[in-house]
N, C-alpha and C. Protein backbone atom coordinates (compact mmCIF):
# COMPACT_ATOMS: atom_id res chain seq x y z
N MET A 1 1.01 -1.00 -0.13
CA MET A 1 0.16 -0.08 0.09
C MET A 1 0.93 1.21 -0.01
N ALA A 2 0.63 2.23 -0.87
CA ALA A 2 1.37 3.67 -0.87
C ALA A 2 0.74 4.39 0.17
N ARG A 3 1.78 5.12 0.51
CA ARG A 3 1.70 6.18 1.66
C ARG A 3 1.73 7.44 1.05
N VAL A 4 0.74 8.16 1.04
CA VAL A 4 0.79 9.63 0.37
C VAL A 4 0.52 10.69 1.46
N GLU A 5 1.73 11.72 1.99
CA GLU A 5 1.45 12.46 2.88
C GLU A 5 2.18 13.86 2.48
N ALA A 6 1.95 14.72 3.04
CA ALA A 6 2.66 15.83 3.02
C ALA A 6 3.10 16.77 4.41
N ALA A 7 4.13 17.18 4.38
CA ALA A 7 4.57 17.65 5.46
C ALA A 7 3.81 18.86 6.03
N GLU A 8 3.92 19.25 7.25
CA GLU A 8 3.11 20.15 8.13
C GLU A 8 3.22 21.47 7.24
N GLN A 9 4.37 22.42 7.25
CA GLN A 9 4.19 23.59 6.63
C GLN A 9 5.73 24.05 6.17
N PRO A 10 6.10 23.34 5.05
CA PRO A 10 7.42 23.67 4.29
C PRO A 10 7.39 24.83 3.62
N ALA A 11 8.78 25.37 3.51
CA ALA A 11 8.86 26.88 3.19
C ALA A 11 8.41 27.11 1.88
N GLU A 12 8.29 26.17 0.91
CA GLU A 12 7.77 26.36 -0.37
C GLU A 12 6.61 26.18 -0.74
N VAL A 13 5.70 25.78 0.13
CA VAL A 13 4.24 25.13 0.00
C VAL A 13 3.53 25.64 1.00
N GLN A 14 2.37 26.26 0.59
CA GLN A 14 1.13 26.80 1.73
C GLN A 14 0.33 25.71 1.79
N PRO A 15 -0.29 25.44 3.20
CA PRO A 15 -1.08 24.38 3.51
C PRO A 15 -2.22 23.88 2.45
N ASP A 16 -2.69 24.92 1.82
CA ASP A 16 -3.55 24.41 0.85
C ASP A 16 -3.10 23.82 -0.31
N GLU A 17 -2.01 23.96 -0.53
CA GLU A 17 -1.31 23.52 -1.86
C GLU A 17 -1.10 22.01 -1.93
N GLY A 18 -0.96 21.59 -0.30
CA GLY A 18 -0.33 20.18 -0.17
C GLY A 18 -1.17 19.17 -0.79
N GLN A 19 -2.67 19.43 -0.86
CA GLN A 19 -3.49 18.14 -1.56
C GLN A 19 -3.09 18.27 -3.09
N GLU A 20 -2.80 19.36 -3.76
CA GLU A 20 -2.39 19.28 -5.16
C GLU A 20 -1.13 18.50 -5.43
N LEU A 21 -0.09 18.63 -4.58
CA LEU A 21 1.20 17.98 -4.28
C LEU A 21 0.68 16.51 -4.12
N ARG A 22 0.04 16.17 -3.34
CA ARG A 22 -0.26 14.90 -3.05
C ARG A 22 -1.02 13.97 -4.26
N GLU A 23 -1.94 14.88 -4.99
CA GLU A 23 -2.53 14.13 -6.26
C GLU A 23 -1.56 14.29 -7.38
N ALA A 24 -0.77 15.09 -7.46
CA ALA A 24 0.40 15.04 -8.62
C ALA A 24 1.38 13.65 -8.52
N LEU A 25 1.60 13.46 -7.04
CA LEU A 25 2.46 12.26 -6.60
C LEU A 25 1.51 10.92 -7.26
N GLN A 26 0.40 11.00 -6.63
CA GLN A 26 -0.47 9.77 -6.94
C GLN A 26 -0.88 9.72 -8.35
N GLU A 27 -0.91 10.34 -8.93
CA GLU A 27 -0.92 10.54 -10.41
C GLU A 27 0.13 9.95 -11.25
N LEU A 28 1.38 10.15 -10.95
CA LEU A 28 2.59 9.80 -11.38
C LEU A 28 2.79 8.40 -11.00
N GLN A 29 2.33 7.94 -9.69
CA GLN A 29 2.54 6.60 -9.16
C GLN A 29 1.32 5.70 -10.19
N LYS A 30 0.42 6.14 -10.45
CA LYS A 30 -1.03 5.57 -11.14
C LYS A 30 -0.50 5.22 -12.59
N ASN A 31 0.08 6.37 -13.38
CA ASN A 31 0.47 6.73 -14.55
C ASN A 31 1.88 5.59 -15.37
N LEU A 32 2.41 5.38 -14.28
CA LEU A 32 3.83 4.70 -14.57
C LEU A 32 4.05 3.75 -13.83
N ARG A 33 4.36 2.45 -14.51
CA ARG A 33 4.91 1.33 -13.93
C ARG A 33 6.51 1.41 -13.63
N GLY A 34 6.84 0.78 -12.42
CA GLY A 34 8.11 0.85 -12.20
C GLY A 34 8.34 1.78 -11.07
N VAL A 35 7.52 2.60 -10.74
CA VAL A 35 8.02 3.81 -9.95
C VAL A 35 7.67 3.09 -8.48
N LEU A 36 8.61 3.17 -7.59
CA LEU A 36 8.53 2.82 -6.24
C LEU A 36 8.24 3.94 -5.16
N GLY A 37 8.34 4.97 -5.75
CA GLY A 37 7.92 6.13 -4.79
C GLY A 37 8.52 7.52 -5.23
N SER A 38 8.16 8.50 -4.81
CA SER A 38 8.49 10.05 -5.10
C SER A 38 8.40 10.65 -3.66
N VAL A 39 9.32 11.52 -3.59
CA VAL A 39 9.38 12.70 -2.70
C VAL A 39 10.04 14.15 -3.31
N ILE A 40 8.92 15.03 -2.80
CA ILE A 40 9.53 16.47 -3.22
C ILE A 40 10.21 17.07 -2.09
N VAL A 41 11.44 17.34 -2.34
CA VAL A 41 12.42 17.55 -1.25
C VAL A 41 12.88 19.02 -1.49
N ASP A 42 13.02 19.83 -0.58
CA ASP A 42 13.51 21.07 -0.47
C ASP A 42 15.24 20.94 -0.39
N ASP A 43 15.90 22.19 -0.82
CA ASP A 43 17.43 21.96 -0.86
C ASP A 43 17.99 21.88 0.62
N LYS A 44 17.33 21.77 1.29
CA LYS A 44 17.93 21.73 2.60
C LYS A 44 17.62 20.03 3.33
N GLY A 45 17.25 19.35 2.30
CA GLY A 45 16.82 17.91 2.39
C GLY A 45 15.61 17.73 3.25
N ARG A 46 14.60 18.40 3.37
CA ARG A 46 13.63 18.19 4.04
C ARG A 46 12.51 17.82 2.95
N PRO A 47 11.87 16.63 3.34
CA PRO A 47 10.50 16.16 2.57
C PRO A 47 9.60 17.51 2.55
N VAL A 48 8.98 17.67 1.59
CA VAL A 48 7.75 18.58 1.46
C VAL A 48 6.62 17.76 1.34
N ALA A 49 6.46 16.79 0.43
CA ALA A 49 5.46 15.82 -0.04
C ALA A 49 5.93 14.38 -0.46
N TRP A 50 5.24 13.38 -0.30
CA TRP A 50 5.90 12.12 -0.59
C TRP A 50 4.87 11.00 -0.72
N GLU A 51 5.13 10.09 -1.70
CA GLU A 51 4.37 8.91 -1.97
C GLU A 51 5.23 7.82 -2.00
N LEU A 52 5.40 6.99 -1.18
CA LEU A 52 6.35 5.87 -0.95
C LEU A 52 5.55 4.62 -0.84
N ARG A 53 6.31 3.50 -1.22
CA ARG A 53 5.64 1.92 -0.97
C ARG A 53 6.91 1.44 -0.22
N GLY A 54 6.49 0.49 0.49
CA GLY A 54 7.10 -0.59 1.12
C GLY A 54 7.89 -0.11 2.24
N GLY A 55 7.36 1.04 3.16
CA GLY A 55 7.99 1.32 4.17
C GLY A 55 8.99 2.21 4.07
N VAL A 56 9.34 2.73 2.85
CA VAL A 56 11.01 3.40 2.90
C VAL A 56 10.40 4.85 3.62
N GLU A 57 11.33 5.36 4.22
CA GLU A 57 11.09 6.62 5.06
C GLU A 57 11.37 7.77 4.00
N PRO A 58 10.39 8.91 4.21
CA PRO A 58 10.83 9.94 3.39
C PRO A 58 12.01 10.91 3.67
N MET A 59 12.28 10.79 4.88
CA MET A 59 13.44 11.71 5.44
C MET A 59 14.73 10.90 4.67
N LEU A 60 14.75 9.57 4.70
CA LEU A 60 15.82 9.08 3.98
C LEU A 60 15.98 9.49 2.43
N VAL A 61 14.82 9.30 2.00
CA VAL A 61 14.83 9.42 0.33
C VAL A 61 15.23 11.17 0.12
N ALA A 62 14.57 11.84 1.09
CA ALA A 62 14.87 13.40 0.81
C ALA A 62 16.33 13.87 1.21
N THR A 63 17.03 13.41 2.32
CA THR A 63 18.07 13.55 2.47
C THR A 63 19.09 12.93 1.31
N ALA A 64 18.86 11.91 1.03
CA ALA A 64 19.92 11.34 -0.13
C ALA A 64 19.77 11.87 -1.48
N GLY A 65 18.59 12.54 -1.72
CA GLY A 65 18.14 13.05 -2.80
C GLY A 65 18.81 14.49 -2.91
N ALA A 66 18.76 15.41 -1.73
CA ALA A 66 19.44 16.55 -1.46
C ALA A 66 21.10 16.46 -1.92
N VAL A 67 21.74 15.23 -1.16
CA VAL A 67 22.90 15.23 -1.35
C VAL A 67 23.37 15.07 -2.81
N LEU A 68 22.66 13.80 -3.48
CA LEU A 68 22.79 13.72 -4.68
C LEU A 68 22.93 15.04 -5.56
N ALA A 69 21.71 15.78 -5.48
CA ALA A 69 21.35 16.85 -6.28
C ALA A 69 22.71 17.84 -6.20
N LYS A 70 23.09 18.06 -4.85
CA LYS A 70 24.27 19.06 -4.52
C LYS A 70 25.58 18.53 -5.25
N ALA A 71 25.95 17.12 -5.12
CA ALA A 71 27.01 16.76 -5.73
C ALA A 71 26.93 16.97 -7.25
N ALA A 72 25.60 16.70 -7.79
CA ALA A 72 25.71 16.51 -9.19
C ALA A 72 25.95 18.08 -9.71
N ALA A 73 25.15 18.99 -8.93
CA ALA A 73 25.43 20.39 -9.33
C ALA A 73 27.00 20.98 -9.26
N ARG A 74 27.62 20.49 -8.21
CA ARG A 74 28.84 20.72 -8.01
C ARG A 74 29.86 20.33 -9.11
N THR A 75 29.47 19.01 -9.61
CA THR A 75 30.40 18.30 -10.72
C THR A 75 30.01 19.09 -11.73
N ALA A 76 28.75 19.69 -12.06
CA ALA A 76 28.64 20.30 -13.30
C ALA A 76 29.11 21.60 -13.31
N ASP A 77 29.24 22.53 -12.24
CA ASP A 77 30.05 23.59 -12.12
C ASP A 77 31.47 23.09 -12.49
N ILE A 78 31.94 22.10 -11.92
CA ILE A 78 33.38 21.85 -12.05
C ILE A 78 33.81 21.82 -13.59
N MET A 79 32.72 21.01 -14.09
CA MET A 79 33.02 20.57 -15.46
C MET A 79 32.62 21.78 -16.32
N ASP A 80 32.14 22.75 -15.91
CA ASP A 80 31.44 24.02 -16.77
C ASP A 80 30.16 23.65 -17.29
N LEU A 81 29.57 22.73 -17.14
CA LEU A 81 28.09 22.36 -17.74
C LEU A 81 27.08 23.44 -17.02
N GLU A 82 26.43 23.92 -18.02
CA GLU A 82 25.49 24.79 -17.58
C GLU A 82 24.10 24.20 -17.62
N GLY A 83 23.03 24.68 -17.09
CA GLY A 83 21.66 24.08 -17.15
C GLY A 83 21.06 22.64 -16.69
N LEU A 84 22.22 22.21 -15.72
CA LEU A 84 21.54 20.80 -15.22
C LEU A 84 20.21 20.84 -14.74
N ARG A 85 19.47 20.03 -15.21
CA ARG A 85 18.13 19.80 -14.87
C ARG A 85 17.61 18.63 -14.21
N ASN A 86 18.47 17.42 -14.53
CA ASN A 86 18.16 16.32 -13.67
C ASN A 86 19.16 15.38 -13.56
N THR A 87 19.22 14.45 -12.76
CA THR A 87 20.38 13.55 -12.33
C THR A 87 19.66 12.09 -12.21
N VAL A 88 20.43 11.00 -12.83
CA VAL A 88 20.05 9.81 -12.54
C VAL A 88 21.17 9.06 -12.39
N LEU A 89 20.99 7.98 -10.78
CA LEU A 89 21.79 7.27 -10.44
C LEU A 89 21.43 6.08 -10.55
N THR A 90 22.14 4.88 -11.52
CA THR A 90 21.56 3.85 -11.88
C THR A 90 22.23 2.52 -11.35
N THR A 91 21.72 1.65 -10.52
CA THR A 91 22.26 0.56 -10.36
C THR A 91 21.38 -0.63 -10.74
N GLU A 92 21.92 -1.80 -10.64
CA GLU A 92 21.39 -3.19 -11.08
C GLU A 92 19.82 -3.27 -10.39
N GLN A 93 19.87 -2.76 -9.11
CA GLN A 93 18.66 -2.88 -8.30
C GLN A 93 17.54 -1.77 -8.49
N GLY A 94 18.15 -0.82 -9.45
CA GLY A 94 17.18 0.21 -9.81
C GLY A 94 17.80 1.64 -9.82
N SER A 95 17.09 2.85 -10.05
CA SER A 95 17.61 3.99 -10.18
C SER A 95 16.89 4.96 -9.15
N VAL A 96 17.53 6.05 -8.88
CA VAL A 96 17.21 7.33 -8.15
C VAL A 96 17.21 8.43 -9.17
N ALA A 97 16.21 9.15 -9.45
CA ALA A 97 16.13 10.15 -10.36
C ALA A 97 15.91 11.57 -9.81
N ILE A 98 16.51 12.59 -10.09
CA ILE A 98 16.07 13.83 -9.17
C ILE A 98 16.05 14.87 -10.36
N PHE A 99 14.88 15.42 -10.45
CA PHE A 99 14.26 16.45 -11.34
C PHE A 99 14.02 17.69 -10.37
N ARG A 100 14.54 18.86 -10.98
CA ARG A 100 14.59 20.08 -10.53
C ARG A 100 13.11 20.60 -10.93
N ILE A 101 12.29 20.82 -9.84
CA ILE A 101 10.83 21.40 -9.94
C ILE A 101 10.92 22.94 -10.36
N VAL A 102 11.31 23.83 -9.04
CA VAL A 102 11.55 25.09 -8.98
C VAL A 102 12.88 25.52 -8.32
N GLU A 103 13.43 26.61 -8.23
CA GLU A 103 14.52 26.91 -7.42
C GLU A 103 14.25 26.35 -5.99
N GLY A 104 14.80 25.65 -5.40
CA GLY A 104 14.72 25.47 -4.06
C GLY A 104 13.91 23.96 -3.72
N ALA A 105 13.45 23.40 -4.91
CA ALA A 105 12.81 22.06 -4.58
C ALA A 105 12.94 20.97 -5.77
N ASN A 106 13.26 19.72 -5.35
CA ASN A 106 13.39 18.74 -6.29
C ASN A 106 12.38 17.57 -6.24
N LEU A 107 12.06 16.83 -7.27
CA LEU A 107 11.47 15.56 -7.31
C LEU A 107 12.30 14.33 -7.21
N VAL A 108 12.51 13.59 -6.31
CA VAL A 108 13.37 12.50 -6.08
C VAL A 108 12.40 11.22 -6.29
N THR A 109 12.67 10.43 -7.27
CA THR A 109 11.86 9.53 -7.99
C THR A 109 12.89 8.13 -7.94
N LEU A 110 11.99 7.09 -6.96
CA LEU A 110 12.95 5.89 -7.06
C LEU A 110 12.21 4.74 -8.09
N LEU A 111 13.06 4.17 -8.81
CA LEU A 111 12.70 3.25 -9.83
C LEU A 111 13.14 2.02 -9.96
N GLN A 112 12.17 1.11 -10.28
CA GLN A 112 12.73 -0.36 -10.49
C GLN A 112 13.74 -0.42 -11.55
N PRO A 113 14.33 -1.28 -11.80
CA PRO A 113 15.32 -1.53 -12.92
C PRO A 113 14.46 -1.73 -14.33
N THR A 114 13.04 -2.37 -13.95
CA THR A 114 12.27 -2.42 -15.23
C THR A 114 11.55 -1.27 -15.80
N ALA A 115 11.95 -0.19 -15.25
CA ALA A 115 11.00 0.98 -15.64
C ALA A 115 11.52 1.25 -16.91
N ASN A 116 10.63 2.08 -18.00
CA ASN A 116 10.74 2.30 -19.26
C ASN A 116 11.40 3.63 -19.13
N ASN A 117 12.67 4.08 -19.25
CA ASN A 117 13.22 5.48 -19.19
C ASN A 117 12.36 6.30 -20.10
N ILE A 118 12.05 6.16 -21.15
CA ILE A 118 11.52 6.99 -22.15
C ILE A 118 10.13 7.58 -21.63
N LEU A 119 9.12 6.58 -21.06
CA LEU A 119 8.13 6.69 -20.07
C LEU A 119 8.35 7.43 -19.28
N VAL A 120 9.34 7.32 -18.17
CA VAL A 120 9.78 7.95 -17.24
C VAL A 120 9.91 9.56 -17.49
N LEU A 121 10.69 9.61 -18.40
CA LEU A 121 10.86 11.27 -18.71
C LEU A 121 9.41 11.81 -19.30
N VAL A 122 8.56 11.00 -20.05
CA VAL A 122 7.24 11.86 -20.44
C VAL A 122 6.55 12.00 -19.17
N GLU A 123 6.32 10.92 -18.60
CA GLU A 123 5.32 11.19 -17.49
C GLU A 123 5.95 12.03 -16.23
N VAL A 124 7.13 12.08 -15.85
CA VAL A 124 7.82 13.06 -14.86
C VAL A 124 7.77 14.32 -15.45
N GLY A 125 7.81 14.69 -16.76
CA GLY A 125 7.77 15.80 -17.36
C GLY A 125 6.34 16.44 -17.14
N LYS A 126 5.26 15.74 -17.42
CA LYS A 126 3.86 16.15 -16.99
C LYS A 126 3.67 16.36 -15.37
N THR A 127 4.36 15.44 -14.57
CA THR A 127 4.25 15.82 -13.39
C THR A 127 4.94 17.11 -12.88
N LEU A 128 6.23 17.41 -13.49
CA LEU A 128 7.00 18.62 -13.09
C LEU A 128 6.19 19.91 -13.42
N GLU A 129 5.53 19.83 -14.65
CA GLU A 129 4.71 21.08 -15.16
C GLU A 129 3.64 21.29 -14.10
N ARG A 130 3.01 20.13 -13.60
CA ARG A 130 2.03 20.46 -12.46
C ARG A 130 2.49 20.88 -11.32
N LEU A 131 3.50 20.34 -10.70
CA LEU A 131 4.10 20.97 -9.66
C LEU A 131 4.58 22.04 -9.73
N ARG A 132 4.83 22.82 -10.94
CA ARG A 132 5.63 23.94 -11.11
C ARG A 132 4.36 25.19 -10.95
N GLY A 133 3.13 24.51 -11.44
CA GLY A 133 2.06 25.39 -11.13
C GLY A 133 1.75 25.68 -9.76
N VAL A 134 2.26 24.62 -8.84
CA VAL A 134 1.55 24.98 -7.49
C VAL A 134 2.65 25.46 -6.68
N MET A 135 4.02 25.10 -6.88
CA MET A 135 5.04 25.20 -6.09
C MET A 135 5.77 26.57 -6.47
N ARG A 136 6.02 27.57 -5.37
CA ARG A 136 6.89 28.71 -5.86
C ARG A 136 8.36 28.59 -5.45
N PRO A 137 9.08 29.27 -6.10
CA PRO A 137 10.49 29.20 -5.87
C PRO A 137 10.97 29.33 -4.28
N GLY A 138 11.69 28.58 -3.98
CA GLY A 138 12.08 29.01 -2.26
C GLY A 138 13.36 29.80 -2.41
């Protein structure tokens, strides 16, 4: 059973916007096979909203996502690569994908190895547009 929640009052989201975030994460989960869960995380590593399966802790995913996003951004700076939009860490057991929503917030998605990467990009793109309509840059 998936668990969908939203944090009490994160900096980027007003209380009445939490429902829209939850619905966007639920829709991503429903429309895409191979998603183990998603967490919206602020740049300080705090979970804003999440939908996770199998007892995965949102704080663990949020913290790991924030660290990976910062490491990827630093690497892009060192390599003089501009406009980093997403980062994907892939293993034989699955992937962690990090997508920038707005300044100050990322979508961290856990994927099974069987997930279709093309469909992931299409569906996550739709979700990002929806989230950008709700969230304000932090």
